[in-house]
Amino acid sequence: MKTTVIAIDGYASTGKSTLSKQLAKHLGYTYVDTGYMFRTIGFLVLQNNWLKNDIIAVTELEKALPALQFSWKEGDNAQMHMALNDLVYGEELRTTEVSNLVSKVAALPAVRAHLLDQQRSLSKASSVVMDGRDIGTVVFPNATHKFFLNAKPEIRAERRYAEMQAKGIPGTLDEVLANVIERDRLDSTRAIAPLVKAQDATEIDTSAMDVEAIFQLLCDHIKA
């Protein structure tokens, strides 16, 4: 079965997840949130006390990886949700503590290798829209369509902070901005699969654009 892959890469809080979900629904594709996958691993690191003095207990995490399997689970209205070992996680993954861990977890070779296999496996059943940092460069270098989203750090921090306030997640705007800047640095400089625009990706600066305008740009590009 030949399937289509649409890769949407870019920096944190550029609208990747929102746009990917909207695009997947519009096209009848499956949305694969790779950020969710890394966040769940980060959440488990905290839950299992595998973080000591801001250093991840890599050996313990690597031992646990083979048992961590992602799959699709049907929810209300037949909506499919990504589950880790049959559990669907929610807002507990959006805390500042988890956000501060994501880039560190994503820089671990064993974690990236484990999730790379699962990301490719999840795309075999149907056409997908997948967002992340290295989808168009590493996970699916031959993706049918590739996009790269960017925006000013201050604007991305304001967006993330507004989301946190709406959901009652604690944190300050200064903390969120510091997290955004640090994640940019870690994601762009890591040795394995760094955040970088694929040469054949279409770059979109979302700083001064609303979601509908960006969505229309994506649709126009795919149609063309």
C-alpha atoms as a PDB file:
ATOM      1  CA  MET A   1       0.000   0.000   0.000  1.00  0.00           C
ATOM      2  CA  LYS A   2       1.499   3.313  -1.085  1.00  0.00           C
ATOM      3  CA  THR A   3       0.973   6.073   1.462  1.00  0.00           C
ATOM      4  CA  THR A   4       1.664   9.802   1.470  1.00  0.00           C
ATOM      5  CA  VAL A   5       3.793  11.489   4.130  1.00  0.00           C
ATOM      6  CA  ILE A   6       3.552  15.208   4.823  1.00  0.00           C
ATOM      7  CA  ALA A   7       6.406  16.382   7.064  1.00  0.00           C
ATOM      8  CA  ILE A   8       5.997  19.552   9.111  1.00  0.00           C
ATOM      9  CA  ASP A   9       9.179  20.460  10.963  1.00  0.00           C
ATOM     10  CA  GLY A  10      10.126  23.578  12.859  1.00  0.00           C
ATOM     11  CA  TYR A  11      10.745  25.271  16.160  1.00  0.00           C
ATOM     12  CA  ALA A  12       8.619  24.898  19.291  1.00  0.00           C
ATOM     13  CA  SER A  13       5.321  26.818  19.410  1.00  0.00           C
ATOM     14  CA  THR A  14       5.230  27.730  15.728  1.00  0.00           C
ATOM     15  CA  GLY A  15       1.828  26.100  15.324  1.00  0.00           C
ATOM     16  CA  LYS A  16       3.062  22.733  14.033  1.00  0.00           C
ATOM     17  CA  SER A  17       0.686  20.568  16.056  1.00  0.00           C
ATOM     18  CA  THR A  18      -2.414  22.702  15.460  1.00  0.00           C
ATOM     19  CA  LEU A  19      -1.759  22.947  11.733  1.00  0.00           C
ATOM     20  CA  SER A  20      -0.826  19.282  11.379  1.00  0.00           C
ATOM     21  CA  LYS A  21      -4.057  18.175  13.073  1.00  0.00           C
ATOM     22  CA  GLN A  22      -6.110  20.522  10.894  1.00  0.00           C
ATOM     23  CA  LEU A  23      -4.351  19.420   7.723  1.00  0.00           C
ATOM     24  CA  ALA A  24      -4.700  15.727   8.556  1.00  0.00           C
ATOM     25  CA  LYS A  25      -8.432  16.138   9.197  1.00  0.00           C
ATOM     26  CA  HIS A  26      -8.853  18.113   5.961  1.00  0.00           C
ATOM     27  CA  LEU A  27      -7.056  15.477   3.876  1.00  0.00           C
ATOM     28  CA  GLY A  28      -8.397  12.423   5.693  1.00  0.00           C
ATOM     29  CA  TYR A  29      -4.889  11.460   6.822  1.00  0.00           C
ATOM     30  CA  THR A  30      -3.651  10.299  10.221  1.00  0.00           C
ATOM     31  CA  TYR A  31      -1.898  12.855  12.429  1.00  0.00           C
ATOM     32  CA  VAL A  32       1.298  11.643  14.117  1.00  0.00           C
ATOM     33  CA  ASP A  33       2.505  13.904  16.947  1.00  0.00           C
ATOM     34  CA  THR A  34       6.168  13.035  17.486  1.00  0.00           C
ATOM     35  CA  GLY A  35       6.463  15.703  20.181  1.00  0.00           C
ATOM     36  CA  TYR A  36       3.924  13.727  22.202  1.00  0.00           C
ATOM     37  CA  MET A  37       6.193  10.700  21.965  1.00  0.00           C
ATOM     38  CA  PHE A  38       9.232  12.535  23.325  1.00  0.00           C
ATOM     39  CA  ARG A  39       7.144  14.247  25.998  1.00  0.00           C
ATOM     40  CA  THR A  40       5.801  10.925  27.276  1.00  0.00           C
ATOM     41  CA  ILE A  41       9.357   9.628  27.602  1.00  0.00           C
ATOM     42  CA  GLY A  42      10.289  12.787  29.502  1.00  0.00           C
ATOM     43  CA  PHE A  43       7.245  12.374  31.739  1.00  0.00           C
ATOM     44  CA  LEU A  44       8.265   8.794  32.530  1.00  0.00           C
ATOM     45  CA  VAL A  45      11.777   9.976  33.394  1.00  0.00           C
ATOM     46  CA  LEU A  46      10.257  12.239  36.038  1.00  0.00           C
ATOM     47  CA  GLN A  47       7.754   9.628  37.228  1.00  0.00           C
ATOM     48  CA  ASN A  48      10.460   6.995  37.696  1.00  0.00           C
ATOM     49  CA  ASN A  49      12.955   9.375  39.313  1.00  0.00           C
ATOM     50  CA  TRP A  50      15.434   8.875  36.488  1.00  0.00           C
ATOM     51  CA  LEU A  51      16.559  12.510  36.810  1.00  0.00           C
ATOM     52  CA  LYS A  52      19.253  13.237  39.374  1.00  0.00           C
ATOM     53  CA  ASN A  53      20.883  16.684  39.669  1.00  0.00           C
ATOM     54  CA  ASP A  54      19.430  17.570  36.259  1.00  0.00           C
ATOM     55  CA  ILE A  55      21.107  14.501  34.673  1.00  0.00           C
ATOM     56  CA  ILE A  56      19.061  11.685  33.133  1.00  0.00           C
ATOM     57  CA  ALA A  57      19.841   8.149  34.320  1.00  0.00           C
ATOM     58  CA  VAL A  58      20.462   6.976  30.763  1.00  0.00           C
ATOM     59  CA  THR A  59      21.178   3.352  31.650  1.00  0.00           C
ATOM     60  CA  GLU A  60      17.848   2.961  33.452  1.00  0.00           C
ATOM     61  CA  LEU A  61      15.958   4.654  30.628  1.00  0.00           C
ATOM     62  CA  GLU A  62      17.616   2.510  27.957  1.00  0.00           C
ATOM     63  CA  LYS A  63      16.653  -0.659  29.828  1.00  0.00           C
ATOM     64  CA  ALA A  64      13.027   0.450  29.794  1.00  0.00           C
ATOM     65  CA  LEU A  65      12.838   1.483  26.122  1.00  0.00           C
ATOM     66  CA  PRO A  66      12.046  -1.935  24.539  1.00  0.00           C
ATOM     67  CA  ALA A  67       8.897  -2.163  26.654  1.00  0.00           C
ATOM     68  CA  LEU A  68       7.682   1.305  25.623  1.00  0.00           C
ATOM     69  CA  GLN A  69       5.419   0.799  22.623  1.00  0.00           C
ATOM     70  CA  PHE A  70       3.221   3.388  20.917  1.00  0.00           C
ATOM     71  CA  SER A  71      -0.031   2.450  19.216  1.00  0.00           C
ATOM     72  CA  TRP A  72      -3.397   3.888  18.166  1.00  0.00           C
ATOM     73  CA  LYS A  73      -6.309   3.745  20.607  1.00  0.00           C
ATOM     74  CA  GLU A  74      -9.888   4.595  19.686  1.00  0.00           C
ATOM     75  CA  GLY A  75     -11.553   7.214  21.854  1.00  0.00           C
ATOM     76  CA  ASP A  76     -14.857   9.098  21.827  1.00  0.00           C
ATOM     77  CA  ASN A  77     -16.559   9.563  18.438  1.00  0.00           C
ATOM     78  CA  ALA A  78     -14.202   6.951  16.970  1.00  0.00           C
ATOM     79  CA  GLN A  79     -11.326   9.448  17.253  1.00  0.00           C
ATOM     80  CA  MET A  80      -7.912   7.815  17.293  1.00  0.00           C
ATOM     81  CA  HIS A  81      -5.398   8.781  19.972  1.00  0.00           C
ATOM     82  CA  MET A  82      -1.759   7.835  20.295  1.00  0.00           C
ATOM     83  CA  ALA A  83      -1.176   5.691  23.355  1.00  0.00           C
ATOM     84  CA  LEU A  84       1.945   4.549  25.150  1.00  0.00           C
ATOM     85  CA  ASN A  85       1.502   0.999  26.413  1.00  0.00           C
ATOM     86  CA  ASP A  86      -2.261   1.478  25.948  1.00  0.00           C
ATOM     87  CA  LEU A  87      -2.341   4.677  28.063  1.00  0.00           C
ATOM     88  CA  VAL A  88      -3.289   8.041  26.533  1.00  0.00           C
ATOM     89  CA  TYR A  89      -1.620  11.012  28.224  1.00  0.00           C
ATOM     90  CA  GLY A  90      -2.934  14.577  28.321  1.00  0.00           C
ATOM     91  CA  GLU A  91      -2.082  17.903  29.955  1.00  0.00           C
ATOM     92  CA  GLU A  92       0.387  16.297  32.365  1.00  0.00           C
ATOM     93  CA  LEU A  93       2.813  16.355  29.418  1.00  0.00           C
ATOM     94  CA  ARG A  94       2.575  20.158  29.022  1.00  0.00           C
ATOM     95  CA  THR A  95       4.129  21.213  32.335  1.00  0.00           C
ATOM     96  CA  THR A  96       7.276  23.330  32.461  1.00  0.00           C
ATOM     97  CA  GLU A  97       9.139  20.414  34.076  1.00  0.00           C
ATOM     98  CA  VAL A  98       8.399  18.115  31.152  1.00  0.00           C
ATOM     99  CA  SER A  99       9.099  20.879  28.602  1.00  0.00           C
ATOM    100  CA  ASN A 100      12.510  21.432  30.157  1.00  0.00           C
ATOM    101  CA  LEU A 101      13.299  17.728  29.670  1.00  0.00           C
ATOM    102  CA  VAL A 102      12.132  17.217  26.088  1.00  0.00           C
ATOM    103  CA  SER A 103      15.282  18.362  24.296  1.00  0.00           C
ATOM    104  CA  LYS A 104      17.509  16.386  26.669  1.00  0.00           C
ATOM    105  CA  VAL A 105      15.493  13.236  26.073  1.00  0.00           C
ATOM    106  CA  ALA A 106      15.458  13.859  22.317  1.00  0.00           C
ATOM    107  CA  ALA A 107      19.250  14.140  22.248  1.00  0.00           C
ATOM    108  CA  LEU A 108      19.726  10.572  23.523  1.00  0.00           C
ATOM    109  CA  PRO A 109      20.705   8.223  20.635  1.00  0.00           C
ATOM    110  CA  ALA A 110      18.853   5.219  22.086  1.00  0.00           C
ATOM    111  CA  VAL A 111      15.622   7.191  22.468  1.00  0.00           C
ATOM    112  CA  ARG A 112      15.804   8.596  18.945  1.00  0.00           C
ATOM    113  CA  ALA A 113      16.514   5.150  17.452  1.00  0.00           C
ATOM    114  CA  HIS A 114      13.635   3.566  19.369  1.00  0.00           C
ATOM    115  CA  LEU A 115      11.145   6.255  18.377  1.00  0.00           C
ATOM    116  CA  LEU A 116      12.381   6.426  14.780  1.00  0.00           C
ATOM    117  CA  ASP A 117      11.337   2.809  14.220  1.00  0.00           C
ATOM    118  CA  GLN A 118       7.953   3.435  15.790  1.00  0.00           C
ATOM    119  CA  GLN A 119       7.328   6.650  13.843  1.00  0.00           C
ATOM    120  CA  ARG A 120       7.942   4.822  10.575  1.00  0.00           C
ATOM    121  CA  SER A 121       5.809   1.894  11.703  1.00  0.00           C
ATOM    122  CA  LEU A 122       2.874   4.156  12.625  1.00  0.00           C
ATOM    123  CA  SER A 123       2.885   5.583   9.085  1.00  0.00           C
ATOM    124  CA  LYS A 124       2.548   2.247   7.280  1.00  0.00           C
ATOM    125  CA  ALA A 125      -1.177   1.808   7.858  1.00  0.00           C
ATOM    126  CA  SER A 126      -2.292   5.076   6.229  1.00  0.00           C
ATOM    127  CA  SER A 127      -1.136   8.391   4.805  1.00  0.00           C
ATOM    128  CA  VAL A 128       0.087  10.697   7.576  1.00  0.00           C
ATOM    129  CA  VAL A 129       0.829  14.259   8.534  1.00  0.00           C
ATOM    130  CA  MET A 130       3.766  14.112  10.931  1.00  0.00           C
ATOM    131  CA  ASP A 131       5.273  17.037  12.814  1.00  0.00           C
ATOM    132  CA  GLY A 132       8.546  17.250  14.672  1.00  0.00           C
ATOM    133  CA  ARG A 133      12.125  18.453  14.339  1.00  0.00           C
ATOM    134  CA  ASP A 134      13.702  16.006  11.891  1.00  0.00           C
ATOM    135  CA  ILE A 135      10.795  14.442   9.989  1.00  0.00           C
ATOM    136  CA  GLY A 136      11.838  15.774   6.580  1.00  0.00           C
ATOM    137  CA  THR A 137      15.560  15.284   7.151  1.00  0.00           C
ATOM    138  CA  VAL A 138      15.845  11.950   9.003  1.00  0.00           C
ATOM    139  CA  VAL A 139      12.559  10.140   9.612  1.00  0.00           C
ATOM    140  CA  PHE A 140      11.141  10.624   6.098  1.00  0.00           C
ATOM    141  CA  PRO A 141      13.767  12.245   3.847  1.00  0.00           C
ATOM    142  CA  ASN A 142      11.619  11.252   0.847  1.00  0.00           C
ATOM    143  CA  ALA A 143       8.369  12.698   2.225  1.00  0.00           C
ATOM    144  CA  THR A 144       5.882  13.783  -0.432  1.00  0.00           C
ATOM    145  CA  HIS A 145       5.639  17.307   0.990  1.00  0.00           C
ATOM    146  CA  LYS A 146       7.948  19.064   3.444  1.00  0.00           C
ATOM    147  CA  PHE A 147       7.350  22.251   5.423  1.00  0.00           C
ATOM    148  CA  PHE A 148       9.488  24.107   7.962  1.00  0.00           C
ATOM    149  CA  LEU A 149       7.834  26.561  10.380  1.00  0.00           C
ATOM    150  CA  ASN A 150       9.620  29.373  12.170  1.00  0.00           C
ATOM    151  CA  ALA A 151       8.701  32.405  14.305  1.00  0.00           C
ATOM    152  CA  LYS A 152      10.373  34.883  16.653  1.00  0.00           C
ATOM    153  CA  PRO A 153      11.154  33.382  20.101  1.00  0.00           C
ATOM    154  CA  GLU A 154       9.198  36.094  21.938  1.00  0.00           C
ATOM    155  CA  ILE A 155       6.061  35.411  19.909  1.00  0.00           C
ATOM    156  CA  ARG A 156       6.389  31.658  20.372  1.00  0.00           C
ATOM    157  CA  ALA A 157       6.784  32.134  24.132  1.00  0.00           C
ATOM    158  CA  GLU A 158       3.658  34.303  24.260  1.00  0.00           C
ATOM    159  CA  ARG A 159       1.699  31.618  22.414  1.00  0.00           C
ATOM    160  CA  ARG A 160       2.866  28.867  24.737  1.00  0.00           C
ATOM    161  CA  TYR A 161       2.212  31.003  27.830  1.00  0.00           C
ATOM    162  CA  ALA A 162      -1.342  31.783  26.664  1.00  0.00           C
ATOM    163  CA  GLU A 163      -1.993  28.051  26.191  1.00  0.00           C
ATOM    164  CA  MET A 164      -0.674  27.308  29.676  1.00  0.00           C
ATOM    165  CA  GLN A 165      -2.829  30.011  31.259  1.00  0.00           C
ATOM    166  CA  ALA A 166      -5.935  28.762  29.458  1.00  0.00           C
ATOM    167  CA  LYS A 167      -5.306  25.255  30.787  1.00  0.00           C
ATOM    168  CA  GLY A 168      -4.306  26.320  34.292  1.00  0.00           C
ATOM    169  CA  ILE A 169      -0.716  25.127  33.920  1.00  0.00           C
ATOM    170  CA  PRO A 170       1.625  27.054  36.269  1.00  0.00           C
ATOM    171  CA  GLY A 171       4.576  29.077  34.993  1.00  0.00           C
ATOM    172  CA  THR A 172       5.642  32.615  34.087  1.00  0.00           C
ATOM    173  CA  LEU A 173       6.210  34.195  30.681  1.00  0.00           C
ATOM    174  CA  ASP A 174       9.902  34.663  31.513  1.00  0.00           C
ATOM    175  CA  GLU A 175      10.217  30.954  32.327  1.00  0.00           C
ATOM    176  CA  VAL A 176       8.488  29.988  29.088  1.00  0.00           C
ATOM    177  CA  LEU A 177      10.714  32.301  27.001  1.00  0.00           C
ATOM    178  CA  ALA A 178      13.834  30.903  28.671  1.00  0.00           C
ATOM    179  CA  ASN A 179      12.597  27.376  27.913  1.00  0.00           C
ATOM    180  CA  VAL A 180      11.897  28.246  24.256  1.00  0.00           C
ATOM    181  CA  ILE A 181      15.364  29.753  23.772  1.00  0.00           C
ATOM    182  CA  GLU A 182      17.101  26.842  25.503  1.00  0.00           C
ATOM    183  CA  ARG A 183      15.140  24.260  23.499  1.00  0.00           C
ATOM    184  CA  ASP A 184      16.089  26.080  20.296  1.00  0.00           C
ATOM    185  CA  ARG A 185      19.742  25.889  21.293  1.00  0.00           C
ATOM    186  CA  LEU A 186      19.650  22.230  22.297  1.00  0.00           C
ATOM    187  CA  ASP A 187      17.593  21.115  19.296  1.00  0.00           C
ATOM    188  CA  SER A 188      19.767  22.993  16.792  1.00  0.00           C
ATOM    189  CA  THR A 189      23.140  21.946  18.184  1.00  0.00           C
ATOM    190  CA  ARG A 190      22.636  18.291  19.151  1.00  0.00           C
ATOM    191  CA  ALA A 191      24.911  15.817  17.401  1.00  0.00           C
ATOM    192  CA  ILE A 192      22.128  13.480  16.273  1.00  0.00           C
ATOM    193  CA  ALA A 193      19.314  14.661  13.974  1.00  0.00           C
ATOM    194  CA  PRO A 194      19.582  18.377  14.796  1.00  0.00           C
ATOM    195  CA  LEU A 195      16.733  20.759  14.049  1.00  0.00           C
ATOM    196  CA  VAL A 196      17.497  22.036  10.556  1.00  0.00           C
ATOM    197  CA  LYS A 197      15.440  22.890   7.504  1.00  0.00           C
ATOM    198  CA  ALA A 198      15.506  20.227   4.792  1.00  0.00           C
ATOM    199  CA  GLN A 199      16.886  21.638   1.550  1.00  0.00           C
ATOM    200  CA  ASP A 200      13.657  20.826  -0.295  1.00  0.00           C
ATOM    201  CA  ALA A 201      11.289  22.059   2.459  1.00  0.00           C
ATOM    202  CA  THR A 202       9.059  25.116   2.111  1.00  0.00           C
ATOM    203  CA  GLU A 203       9.815  27.526   4.965  1.00  0.00           C
ATOM    204  CA  ILE A 204       7.015  29.606   6.494  1.00  0.00           C
ATOM    205  CA  ASP A 205       7.515  32.367   9.094  1.00  0.00           C
ATOM    206  CA  THR A 206       4.403  32.245  11.279  1.00  0.00           C
ATOM    207  CA  SER A 207       5.265  35.302  13.401  1.00  0.00           C
ATOM    208  CA  ALA A 208       2.664  37.599  11.858  1.00  0.00           C
ATOM    209  CA  MET A 209       0.219  35.019  10.496  1.00  0.00           C
ATOM    210  CA  ASP A 210      -2.855  33.436  12.005  1.00  0.00           C
ATOM    211  CA  VAL A 211      -3.561  29.716  11.807  1.00  0.00           C
ATOM    212  CA  GLU A 212      -6.079  29.985   8.967  1.00  0.00           C
ATOM    213  CA  ALA A 213      -3.674  31.939   6.752  1.00  0.00           C
ATOM    214  CA  ILE A 214      -0.898  29.394   7.307  1.00  0.00           C
ATOM    215  CA  PHE A 215      -3.294  26.510   6.750  1.00  0.00           C
ATOM    216  CA  GLN A 216      -4.315  27.995   3.418  1.00  0.00           C
ATOM    217  CA  LEU A 217      -0.665  28.316   2.406  1.00  0.00           C
ATOM    218  CA  LEU A 218      -0.090  24.637   3.182  1.00  0.00           C
ATOM    219  CA  CYS A 219      -3.157  23.568   1.216  1.00  0.00           C
ATOM    220  CA  ASP A 220      -2.232  25.745  -1.774  1.00  0.00           C
ATOM    221  CA  HIS A 221       1.277  24.306  -1.844  1.00  0.00           C
ATOM    222  CA  ILE A 222       0.016  20.708  -1.662  1.00  0.00           C
ATOM    223  CA  LYS A 223      -2.515  21.330  -4.447  1.00  0.00           C
ATOM    224  CA  ALA A 224       0.150  22.903  -6.636  1.00  0.00           C
END
